[in-house]
């Protein structure tokens, strides 16, 4: 399961969110994203679009390269 890019991506999102001390609700509201969608992303249940990947990276204040650097 850890070989699945969706799971690795979700874990990266969760780790970054937790490092900043944000709840899923807080981060989802900051992004204008539904909390249940964010939860599904973090669990690797969503095949997220490029537009939402860009939105997440900007929400964390990271370039796409840095956002993907630890996958």
PDB file of N, CA and C in Angstrom:
ATOM      1  N   UNK A   1       0.819  -1.198   0.000  1.00  0.00           N
ATOM      2  CA  UNK A   1       0.000   0.000   0.000  1.00  0.00           C
ATOM      3  C   UNK A   1       0.861   1.260   0.000  1.00  0.00           C
ATOM      4  N   UNK A   2       2.005   1.225   0.693  1.00  0.00           N
ATOM      5  CA  UNK A   2       2.875   2.399   0.743  1.00  0.00           C
ATOM      6  C   UNK A   2       3.514   2.686  -0.608  1.00  0.00           C
ATOM      7  N   UNK A   3       3.451   1.731  -1.533  1.00  0.00           N
ATOM      8  CA  UNK A   3       3.954   1.967  -2.885  1.00  0.00           C
ATOM      9  C   UNK A   3       2.990   2.830  -3.684  1.00  0.00           C
ATOM     10  N   UNK A   4       1.762   2.916  -3.243  1.00  0.00           N
ATOM     11  CA  UNK A   4       0.740   3.698  -3.942  1.00  0.00           C
ATOM     12  C   UNK A   4       1.048   5.184  -3.775  1.00  0.00           C
ATOM     13  N   UNK A   5       1.210   5.876  -4.881  1.00  0.00           N
ATOM     14  CA  UNK A   5       1.532   7.307  -4.852  1.00  0.00           C
ATOM     15  C   UNK A   5       0.462   8.111  -4.125  1.00  0.00           C
ATOM     16  N   UNK A   6      -0.791   7.669  -4.209  1.00  0.00           N
ATOM     17  CA  UNK A   6      -1.865   8.393  -3.522  1.00  0.00           C
ATOM     18  C   UNK A   6      -1.689   8.320  -2.008  1.00  0.00           C
ATOM     19  N   UNK A   7      -1.250   7.174  -1.509  1.00  0.00           N
ATOM     20  CA  UNK A   7      -1.020   7.011  -0.066  1.00  0.00           C
ATOM     21  C   UNK A   7       0.184   7.850   0.365  1.00  0.00           C
ATOM     22  N   UNK A   8       1.268   7.775  -0.386  1.00  0.00           N
ATOM     23  CA  UNK A   8       2.461   8.567  -0.049  1.00  0.00           C
ATOM     24  C   UNK A   8       2.155  10.061  -0.099  1.00  0.00           C
ATOM     25  N   UNK A   9       1.400  10.478  -1.105  1.00  0.00           N
ATOM     26  CA  UNK A   9       1.016  11.881  -1.222  1.00  0.00           C
ATOM     27  C   UNK A   9       0.169  12.295  -0.024  1.00  0.00           C
ATOM     28  N   UNK A  10      -0.802  11.472   0.332  1.00  0.00           N
ATOM     29  CA  UNK A  10      -1.669  11.770   1.475  1.00  0.00           C
ATOM     30  C   UNK A  10      -0.904  11.890   2.771  1.00  0.00           C
ATOM     31  N   UNK A  11       0.062  11.007   2.968  1.00  0.00           N
ATOM     32  CA  UNK A  11       0.884  11.075   4.175  1.00  0.00           C
ATOM     33  C   UNK A  11       1.705  12.359   4.209  1.00  0.00           C
ATOM     34  N   UNK A  12       2.179  12.779   3.050  1.00  0.00           N
ATOM     35  CA  UNK A  12       2.933  14.042   2.959  1.00  0.00           C
ATOM     36  C   UNK A  12       2.040  15.229   3.336  1.00  0.00           C
ATOM     37  N   UNK A  13       0.824  15.236   2.819  1.00  0.00           N
ATOM     38  CA  UNK A  13      -0.119  16.309   3.148  1.00  0.00           C
ATOM     39  C   UNK A  13      -0.402  16.315   4.652  1.00  0.00           C
ATOM     40  N   UNK A  14      -0.693  15.155   5.210  1.00  0.00           N
ATOM     41  CA  UNK A  14      -0.993  15.055   6.640  1.00  0.00           C
ATOM     42  C   UNK A  14       0.189  15.532   7.483  1.00  0.00           C
ATOM     43  N   UNK A  15       1.399  15.080   7.133  1.00  0.00           N
ATOM     44  CA  UNK A  15       2.582  15.476   7.898  1.00  0.00           C
ATOM     45  C   UNK A  15       2.789  16.990   7.866  1.00  0.00           C
ATOM     46  N   UNK A  16       2.678  17.583   6.683  1.00  0.00           N
ATOM     47  CA  UNK A  16       2.854  19.030   6.568  1.00  0.00           C
ATOM     48  C   UNK A  16       1.783  19.789   7.353  1.00  0.00           C
ATOM     49  N   UNK A  17       0.556  19.312   7.266  1.00  0.00           N
ATOM     50  CA  UNK A  17      -0.548  19.968   7.991  1.00  0.00           C
ATOM     51  C   UNK A  17      -0.315  19.897   9.497  1.00  0.00           C
ATOM     52  N   UNK A  18       0.048  18.734   9.976  1.00  0.00           N
ATOM     53  CA  UNK A  18       0.280  18.566  11.413  1.00  0.00           C
ATOM     54  C   UNK A  18       1.484  19.363  11.898  1.00  0.00           C
ATOM     55  N   UNK A  19       2.534  19.446  11.069  1.00  0.00           N
ATOM     56  CA  UNK A  19       3.708  20.249  11.441  1.00  0.00           C
ATOM     57  C   UNK A  19       3.328  21.702  11.691  1.00  0.00           C
ATOM     58  N   UNK A  20       2.336  22.162  10.979  1.00  0.00           N
ATOM     59  CA  UNK A  20       1.887  23.546  11.124  1.00  0.00           C
ATOM     60  C   UNK A  20       0.831  23.707  12.213  1.00  0.00           C
ATOM     61  N   UNK A  21       0.410  22.610  12.790  1.00  0.00           N
ATOM     62  CA  UNK A  21      -0.554  22.653  13.885  1.00  0.00           C
ATOM     63  C   UNK A  21      -1.980  22.908  13.447  1.00  0.00           C
ATOM     64  N   UNK A  22      -2.285  22.622  12.188  1.00  0.00           N
ATOM     65  CA  UNK A  22      -3.624  22.852  11.658  1.00  0.00           C
ATOM     66  C   UNK A  22      -4.465  21.593  11.732  1.00  0.00           C
ATOM     67  N   UNK A  23      -5.736  21.748  12.057  1.00  0.00           N
ATOM     68  CA  UNK A  23      -6.683  20.645  11.941  1.00  0.00           C
ATOM     69  C   UNK A  23      -7.087  20.523  10.475  1.00  0.00           C
ATOM     70  N   UNK A  24      -7.725  19.413  10.153  1.00  0.00           N
ATOM     71  CA  UNK A  24      -8.243  19.269   8.798  1.00  0.00           C
ATOM     72  C   UNK A  24      -9.259  20.366   8.497  1.00  0.00           C
ATOM     73  N   UNK A  25     -10.085  20.680   9.460  1.00  0.00           N
ATOM     74  CA  UNK A  25     -11.107  21.715   9.269  1.00  0.00           C
ATOM     75  C   UNK A  25     -10.444  23.059   8.983  1.00  0.00           C
ATOM     76  N   UNK A  26      -9.448  23.422   9.776  1.00  0.00           N
ATOM     77  CA  UNK A  26      -8.764  24.706   9.586  1.00  0.00           C
ATOM     78  C   UNK A  26      -8.104  24.792   8.212  1.00  0.00           C
ATOM     79  N   UNK A  27      -7.395  23.734   7.839  1.00  0.00           N
ATOM     80  CA  UNK A  27      -6.680  23.773   6.561  1.00  0.00           C
ATOM     81  C   UNK A  27      -7.661  23.755   5.391  1.00  0.00           C
ATOM     82  N   UNK A  28      -8.690  22.943   5.490  1.00  0.00           N
ATOM     83  CA  UNK A  28      -9.690  22.885   4.420  1.00  0.00           C
ATOM     84  C   UNK A  28     -10.354  24.257   4.236  1.00  0.00           C
ATOM     85  N   UNK A  29     -10.684  24.912   5.330  1.00  0.00           N
ATOM     86  CA  UNK A  29     -11.287  26.245   5.241  1.00  0.00           C
ATOM     87  C   UNK A  29     -10.321  27.247   4.620  1.00  0.00           C
ATOM     88  N   UNK A  30      -9.053  27.169   4.995  1.00  0.00           N
ATOM     89  CA  UNK A  30      -8.031  28.051   4.430  1.00  0.00           C
ATOM     90  C   UNK A  30      -7.952  27.884   2.913  1.00  0.00           C
ATOM     91  N   UNK A  31      -8.121  26.649   2.442  1.00  0.00           N
ATOM     92  CA  UNK A  31      -8.015  26.356   1.016  1.00  0.00           C
ATOM     93  C   UNK A  31      -9.325  26.541   0.264  1.00  0.00           C
ATOM     94  N   UNK A  32     -10.443  26.589   0.991  1.00  0.00           N
ATOM     95  CA  UNK A  32     -11.747  26.602   0.333  1.00  0.00           C
ATOM     96  C   UNK A  32     -12.111  25.223  -0.194  1.00  0.00           C
ATOM     97  N   UNK A  33     -11.669  24.215   0.526  1.00  0.00           N
ATOM     98  CA  UNK A  33     -11.851  22.816   0.144  1.00  0.00           C
ATOM     99  C   UNK A  33     -12.735  22.143   1.192  1.00  0.00           C
ATOM    100  N   UNK A  34     -13.504  21.177   0.784  1.00  0.00           N
ATOM    101  CA  UNK A  34     -14.333  20.425   1.719  1.00  0.00           C
ATOM    102  C   UNK A  34     -13.454  19.558   2.617  1.00  0.00           C
ATOM    103  N   UNK A  35     -13.738  19.539   3.919  1.00  0.00           N
ATOM    104  CA  UNK A  35     -12.932  18.775   4.861  1.00  0.00           C
ATOM    105  C   UNK A  35     -12.937  17.290   4.541  1.00  0.00           C
ATOM    106  N   UNK A  36     -14.063  16.756   4.116  1.00  0.00           N
ATOM    107  CA  UNK A  36     -14.116  15.316   3.824  1.00  0.00           C
ATOM    108  C   UNK A  36     -13.258  14.974   2.602  1.00  0.00           C
ATOM    109  N   UNK A  37     -13.168  15.893   1.642  1.00  0.00           N
ATOM    110  CA  UNK A  37     -12.290  15.687   0.485  1.00  0.00           C
ATOM    111  C   UNK A  37     -10.837  15.661   0.947  1.00  0.00           C
ATOM    112  N   UNK A  38     -10.448  16.625   1.799  1.00  0.00           N
ATOM    113  CA  UNK A  38      -9.089  16.665   2.333  1.00  0.00           C
ATOM    114  C   UNK A  38      -8.786  15.389   3.112  1.00  0.00           C
ATOM    115  N   UNK A  39      -9.730  14.920   3.905  1.00  0.00           N
ATOM    116  CA  UNK A  39      -9.529  13.679   4.665  1.00  0.00           C
ATOM    117  C   UNK A  39      -9.294  12.501   3.719  1.00  0.00           C
ATOM    118  N   UNK A  40     -10.056  12.439   2.640  1.00  0.00           N
ATOM    119  CA  UNK A  40      -9.870  11.366   1.650  1.00  0.00           C
ATOM    120  C   UNK A  40      -8.502  11.465   0.976  1.00  0.00           C
ATOM    121  N   UNK A  41      -8.044  12.673   0.700  1.00  0.00           N
ATOM    122  CA  UNK A  41      -6.708  12.870   0.122  1.00  0.00           C
ATOM    123  C   UNK A  41      -5.662  12.340   1.091  1.00  0.00           C
ATOM    124  N   UNK A  42      -5.776  12.709   2.359  1.00  0.00           N
ATOM    125  CA  UNK A  42      -4.795  12.289   3.362  1.00  0.00           C
ATOM    126  C   UNK A  42      -4.779  10.770   3.554  1.00  0.00           C
ATOM    127  N   UNK A  43      -5.885  10.114   3.336  1.00  0.00           N
ATOM    128  CA  UNK A  43      -5.954   8.652   3.456  1.00  0.00           C
ATOM    129  C   UNK A  43      -5.598   7.942   2.153  1.00  0.00           C
ATOM    130  N   UNK A  44      -5.280   8.691   1.111  1.00  0.00           N
ATOM    131  CA  UNK A  44      -4.916   8.089  -0.164  1.00  0.00           C
ATOM    132  C   UNK A  44      -6.100   7.530  -0.918  1.00  0.00           C
ATOM    133  N   UNK A  45      -7.280   8.040  -0.649  1.00  0.00           N
ATOM    134  CA  UNK A  45      -8.510   7.556  -1.281  1.00  0.00           C
ATOM    135  C   UNK A  45      -8.906   8.357  -2.509  1.00  0.00           C
ATOM    136  N   UNK A  46      -8.205   9.446  -2.784  1.00  0.00           N
ATOM    137  CA  UNK A  46      -8.548  10.309  -3.915  1.00  0.00           C
ATOM    138  C   UNK A  46      -7.399  10.357  -4.909  1.00  0.00           C
ATOM    139  N   UNK A  47      -7.738  10.365  -6.169  1.00  0.00           N
ATOM    140  CA  UNK A  47      -6.775  10.610  -7.233  1.00  0.00           C
ATOM    141  C   UNK A  47      -6.877  12.100  -7.541  1.00  0.00           C
ATOM    142  N   UNK A  48      -6.156  12.881  -6.797  1.00  0.00           N
ATOM    143  CA  UNK A  48      -6.290  14.334  -6.761  1.00  0.00           C
ATOM    144  C   UNK A  48      -5.826  14.973  -8.077  1.00  0.00           C
ATOM    145  N   UNK A  49      -6.495  16.056  -8.465  1.00  0.00           N
ATOM    146  CA  UNK A  49      -6.168  16.747  -9.711  1.00  0.00           C
ATOM    147  C   UNK A  49      -4.953  17.660  -9.528  1.00  0.00           C
ATOM    148  N   UNK A  50      -4.357  18.022 -10.649  1.00  0.00           N
ATOM    149  CA  UNK A  50      -3.229  18.960 -10.620  1.00  0.00           C
ATOM    150  C   UNK A  50      -3.626  20.300 -10.030  1.00  0.00           C
ATOM    151  N   UNK A  51      -4.837  20.744 -10.299  1.00  0.00           N
ATOM    152  CA  UNK A  51      -5.294  22.022  -9.743  1.00  0.00           C
ATOM    153  C   UNK A  51      -5.329  21.978  -8.222  1.00  0.00           C
ATOM    154  N   UNK A  52      -5.796  20.869  -7.660  1.00  0.00           N
ATOM    155  CA  UNK A  52      -5.850  20.752  -6.199  1.00  0.00           C
ATOM    156  C   UNK A  52      -4.467  20.525  -5.603  1.00  0.00           C
ATOM    157  N   UNK A  53      -3.575  19.863  -6.325  1.00  0.00           N
ATOM    158  CA  UNK A  53      -2.195  19.723  -5.857  1.00  0.00           C
ATOM    159  C   UNK A  53      -1.554  21.102  -5.754  1.00  0.00           C
ATOM    160  N   UNK A  54      -1.765  21.923  -6.761  1.00  0.00           N
ATOM    161  CA  UNK A  54      -1.235  23.286  -6.751  1.00  0.00           C
ATOM    162  C   UNK A  54      -1.828  24.087  -5.597  1.00  0.00           C
ATOM    163  N   UNK A  55      -3.117  23.941  -5.365  1.00  0.00           N
ATOM    164  CA  UNK A  55      -3.794  24.629  -4.260  1.00  0.00           C
ATOM    165  C   UNK A  55      -3.188  24.216  -2.916  1.00  0.00           C
ATOM    166  N   UNK A  56      -2.956  22.924  -2.725  1.00  0.00           N
ATOM    167  CA  UNK A  56      -2.352  22.442  -1.480  1.00  0.00           C
ATOM    168  C   UNK A  56      -0.945  23.004  -1.296  1.00  0.00           C
ATOM    169  N   UNK A  57      -0.125  22.938  -2.331  1.00  0.00           N
ATOM    170  CA  UNK A  57       1.252  23.422  -2.193  1.00  0.00           C
ATOM    171  C   UNK A  57       1.277  24.910  -1.849  1.00  0.00           C
ATOM    172  N   UNK A  58       0.406  25.681  -2.484  1.00  0.00           N
ATOM    173  CA  UNK A  58       0.325  27.110  -2.157  1.00  0.00           C
ATOM    174  C   UNK A  58      -0.179  27.317  -0.737  1.00  0.00           C
ATOM    175  N   UNK A  59      -1.118  26.481  -0.293  1.00  0.00           N
ATOM    176  CA  UNK A  59      -1.619  26.565   1.073  1.00  0.00           C
ATOM    177  C   UNK A  59      -0.533  26.335   2.109  1.00  0.00           C
ATOM    178  N   UNK A  60       0.436  25.494   1.762  1.00  0.00           N
ATOM    179  CA  UNK A  60       1.573  25.239   2.644  1.00  0.00           C
ATOM    180  C   UNK A  60       2.706  26.251   2.442  1.00  0.00           C
ATOM    181  N   UNK A  61       2.575  27.082   1.393  1.00  0.00           N
ATOM    182  CA  UNK A  61       3.635  28.048   1.104  1.00  0.00           C
ATOM    183  C   UNK A  61       4.863  27.397   0.503  1.00  0.00           C
ATOM    184  N   UNK A  62       4.669  26.321  -0.242  1.00  0.00           N
ATOM    185  CA  UNK A  62       5.780  25.580  -0.838  1.00  0.00           C
ATOM    186  C   UNK A  62       5.679  25.576  -2.353  1.00  0.00           C
ATOM    187  N   UNK A  63       6.825  25.535  -3.007  1.00  0.00           N
ATOM    188  CA  UNK A  63       6.831  25.312  -4.449  1.00  0.00           C
ATOM    189  C   UNK A  63       6.402  23.868  -4.692  1.00  0.00           C
ATOM    190  N   UNK A  64       5.963  23.592  -5.899  1.00  0.00           N
ATOM    191  CA  UNK A  64       5.603  22.208  -6.229  1.00  0.00           C
ATOM    192  C   UNK A  64       6.807  21.280  -6.076  1.00  0.00           C
ATOM    193  N   UNK A  65       7.982  21.740  -6.461  1.00  0.00           N
ATOM    194  CA  UNK A  65       9.183  20.911  -6.346  1.00  0.00           C
ATOM    195  C   UNK A  65       9.451  20.540  -4.891  1.00  0.00           C
ATOM    196  N   UNK A  66       9.348  21.513  -4.016  1.00  0.00           N
ATOM    197  CA  UNK A  66       9.609  21.238  -2.589  1.00  0.00           C
ATOM    198  C   UNK A  66       8.483  20.370  -1.994  1.00  0.00           C
ATOM    199  N   UNK A  67       7.273  20.630  -2.428  1.00  0.00           N
ATOM    200  CA  UNK A  67       6.125  19.847  -1.952  1.00  0.00           C
ATOM    201  C   UNK A  67       6.316  18.371  -2.283  1.00  0.00           C
ATOM    202  N   UNK A  68       6.820  18.073  -3.463  1.00  0.00           N
ATOM    203  CA  UNK A  68       7.002  16.684  -3.903  1.00  0.00           C
ATOM    204  C   UNK A  68       8.346  16.101  -3.488  1.00  0.00           C
ATOM    205  N   UNK A  69       9.218  16.894  -2.903  1.00  0.00           N
ATOM    206  CA  UNK A  69      10.587  16.454  -2.636  1.00  0.00           C
ATOM    207  C   UNK A  69      10.687  15.272  -1.678  1.00  0.00           C
ATOM    208  N   UNK A  70       9.702  15.062  -0.865  1.00  0.00           N
ATOM    209  CA  UNK A  70       9.792  13.974   0.129  1.00  0.00           C
ATOM    210  C   UNK A  70       8.832  12.828  -0.134  1.00  0.00           C
ATOM    211  N   UNK A  71       8.364  12.704  -1.353  1.00  0.00           N
ATOM    212  CA  UNK A  71       7.502  11.576  -1.693  1.00  0.00           C
ATOM    213  C   UNK A  71       8.403  10.402  -1.991  1.00  0.00           C
TER     214      UNK A  71
END
